[in-house]
C-alpha atoms as a PDB file:
ATOM      1  CA  MET A   1      -9.891 -13.945  -5.993  1.00  0.00           C
ATOM      2  CA  MET A   2     -11.348 -10.726  -4.648  1.00  0.00           C
ATOM      3  CA  ASN A   3     -14.703  -9.426  -5.742  1.00  0.00           C
ATOM      4  CA  ASN A   4     -15.270  -5.773  -6.619  1.00  0.00           C
ATOM      5  CA  ASP A   5     -16.732  -4.955  -3.195  1.00  0.00           C
ATOM      6  CA  THR A   6     -13.680  -6.362  -1.427  1.00  0.00           C
ATOM      7  CA  THR A   7     -11.343  -4.462  -3.747  1.00  0.00           C
ATOM      8  CA  THR A   8     -13.264  -1.226  -3.218  1.00  0.00           C
ATOM      9  CA  ASP A   9     -13.299  -1.737   0.547  1.00  0.00           C
ATOM     10  CA  LEU A  10      -9.547  -2.342   0.631  1.00  0.00           C
ATOM     11  CA  LEU A  11      -8.706   0.601  -1.601  1.00  0.00           C
ATOM     12  CA  SER A  12     -10.903   2.893   0.508  1.00  0.00           C
ATOM     13  CA  ARG A  13      -8.319   2.415   3.265  1.00  0.00           C
ATOM     14  CA  ILE A  14      -5.779   4.282   1.127  1.00  0.00           C
ATOM     15  CA  THR A  15      -6.185   8.001   1.672  1.00  0.00           C
ATOM     16  CA  PHE A  16      -4.625  11.177   0.338  1.00  0.00           C
ATOM     17  CA  ASP A  17      -4.417  14.444   2.241  1.00  0.00           C
ATOM     18  CA  GLY A  18      -2.100  17.272   1.296  1.00  0.00           C
ATOM     19  CA  HIS A  19      -1.678  18.043   5.008  1.00  0.00           C
ATOM     20  CA  VAL A  20      -0.564  14.518   5.915  1.00  0.00           C
ATOM     21  CA  LEU A  21       2.871  13.424   4.684  1.00  0.00           C
ATOM     22  CA  THR A  22       2.652  16.001   1.863  1.00  0.00           C
ATOM     23  CA  GLY A  23      -0.142  14.112   0.151  1.00  0.00           C
ATOM     24  CA  LYS A  24       1.557  10.708  -0.082  1.00  0.00           C
ATOM     25  CA  PRO A  25      -0.846   7.775   0.014  1.00  0.00           C
ATOM     26  CA  THR A  26      -1.413   6.796   3.622  1.00  0.00           C
ATOM     27  CA  ILE A  27      -3.411   4.245   5.538  1.00  0.00           C
ATOM     28  CA  ARG A  28      -6.772   5.533   6.777  1.00  0.00           C
ATOM     29  CA  GLY A  29      -5.500   9.111   7.167  1.00  0.00           C
ATOM     30  CA  MET A  30      -2.828   8.099   9.658  1.00  0.00           C
ATOM     31  CA  ARG A  31       0.767   9.179   9.332  1.00  0.00           C
ATOM     32  CA  ILE A  32       1.637   5.712   8.057  1.00  0.00           C
ATOM     33  CA  ALA A  33       2.613   5.824   4.390  1.00  0.00           C
ATOM     34  CA  VAL A  34       1.827   3.038   1.955  1.00  0.00           C
ATOM     35  CA  ASP A  35       5.435   3.118   0.731  1.00  0.00           C
ATOM     36  CA  MET A  36       6.698   2.506   4.275  1.00  0.00           C
ATOM     37  CA  ILE A  37       4.581  -0.645   4.569  1.00  0.00           C
ATOM     38  CA  LEU A  38       5.801  -1.840   1.168  1.00  0.00           C
ATOM     39  CA  GLU A  39       9.411  -1.145   2.137  1.00  0.00           C
ATOM     40  CA  LEU A  40       9.058  -3.103   5.377  1.00  0.00           C
ATOM     41  CA  LEU A  41       7.606  -6.066   3.481  1.00  0.00           C
ATOM     42  CA  ALA A  42      10.358  -5.831   0.832  1.00  0.00           C
ATOM     43  CA  LYS A  43      13.011  -5.890   3.562  1.00  0.00           C
ATOM     44  CA  GLY A  44      11.572  -9.110   4.947  1.00  0.00           C
ATOM     45  CA  ALA A  45       9.214  -7.996   7.702  1.00  0.00           C
ATOM     46  CA  THR A  46       6.186 -10.225   8.060  1.00  0.00           C
ATOM     47  CA  PRO A  47       2.700  -8.760   8.248  1.00  0.00           C
ATOM     48  CA  GLU A  48       2.547 -10.001  11.834  1.00  0.00           C
ATOM     49  CA  GLU A  49       5.728  -8.073  12.721  1.00  0.00           C
ATOM     50  CA  ILE A  50       4.372  -4.914  11.117  1.00  0.00           C
ATOM     51  CA  LEU A  51       1.094  -5.241  13.004  1.00  0.00           C
ATOM     52  CA  GLU A  52       3.011  -5.751  16.237  1.00  0.00           C
ATOM     53  CA  ASP A  53       5.162  -2.657  15.623  1.00  0.00           C
ATOM     54  CA  TYR A  54       2.187  -0.551  14.488  1.00  0.00           C
ATOM     55  CA  PRO A  55      -0.772  -1.710  16.608  1.00  0.00           C
ATOM     56  CA  GLN A  56      -3.077   0.889  15.048  1.00  0.00           C
ATOM     57  CA  LEU A  57      -2.858  -1.036  11.759  1.00  0.00           C
ATOM     58  CA  GLU A  58      -5.190  -3.875  10.831  1.00  0.00           C
ATOM     59  CA  PRO A  59      -4.375  -6.853   8.577  1.00  0.00           C
ATOM     60  CA  GLU A  60      -6.602  -5.357   5.876  1.00  0.00           C
ATOM     61  CA  ASP A  61      -4.380  -2.238   5.838  1.00  0.00           C
ATOM     62  CA  ILE A  62      -1.402  -4.302   4.706  1.00  0.00           C
ATOM     63  CA  ARG A  63      -3.507  -6.006   2.051  1.00  0.00           C
ATOM     64  CA  ALA A  64      -4.725  -2.575   0.928  1.00  0.00           C
ATOM     65  CA  ALA A  65      -1.139  -1.332   0.532  1.00  0.00           C
ATOM     66  CA  LEU A  66      -0.271  -4.358  -1.590  1.00  0.00           C
ATOM     67  CA  LEU A  67      -3.390  -3.981  -3.720  1.00  0.00           C
ATOM     68  CA  TYR A  68      -2.666  -0.276  -4.239  1.00  0.00           C
ATOM     69  CA  ALA A  69       0.892  -1.074  -5.364  1.00  0.00           C
ATOM     70  CA  HIS A  70      -0.417  -3.810  -7.670  1.00  0.00           C
ATOM     71  CA  ARG A  71      -2.861  -1.389  -9.286  1.00  0.00           C
ATOM     72  CA  LEU A  72      -0.074   1.128  -9.920  1.00  0.00           C
ATOM     73  CA  VAL A  73       2.293  -1.425 -11.427  1.00  0.00           C
ATOM     74  CA  ALA A  74      -0.411  -3.179 -13.446  1.00  0.00           C
ATOM     75  CA  GLY A  75      -1.248   0.116 -15.116  1.00  0.00           C
ATOM     76  CA  GLU A  76       2.320   0.937 -16.102  1.00  0.00           C
ATOM     77  CA  GLU A  77       3.260   1.126 -19.735  1.00  0.00           C
ATOM     78  CA  VAL A  78       6.119  -1.206 -20.569  1.00  0.00           C
ATOM     79  CA  PHE A  79       8.902   0.055 -22.806  1.00  0.00           C
ATOM     80  CA  HIS A  80      11.506  -2.237 -24.293  1.00  0.00           C
ATOM     81  CA  ARG A  81      14.962  -1.220 -23.194  1.00  0.00           C
ATOM     82  CA  MET A  82      17.840  -1.256 -25.591  1.00  0.00           C
ATOM     83  CA  ALA A  83      20.994  -3.000 -24.452  1.00  0.00           C
ATOM     84  CA  ALA A  84      23.883  -0.629 -23.834  1.00  0.00           C
END
């Protein structure tokens, strides 16, 4: 389990700048979007493969992307869907 300092440190890696990728969340101000990292993981890439393909990334950057996505999903309001 992560403590608050670890969580804060990881989330500080996620940056927003209207001049970089039109303000999408990125990793440490680089032109590497959080959603791209999540997509690579969803398609089966391992963190090691991502780090090899993007050597400017650090393992903590991938963890930060996952934590950011978790925070977004955890805060979603759930609506019951009616069957069609």
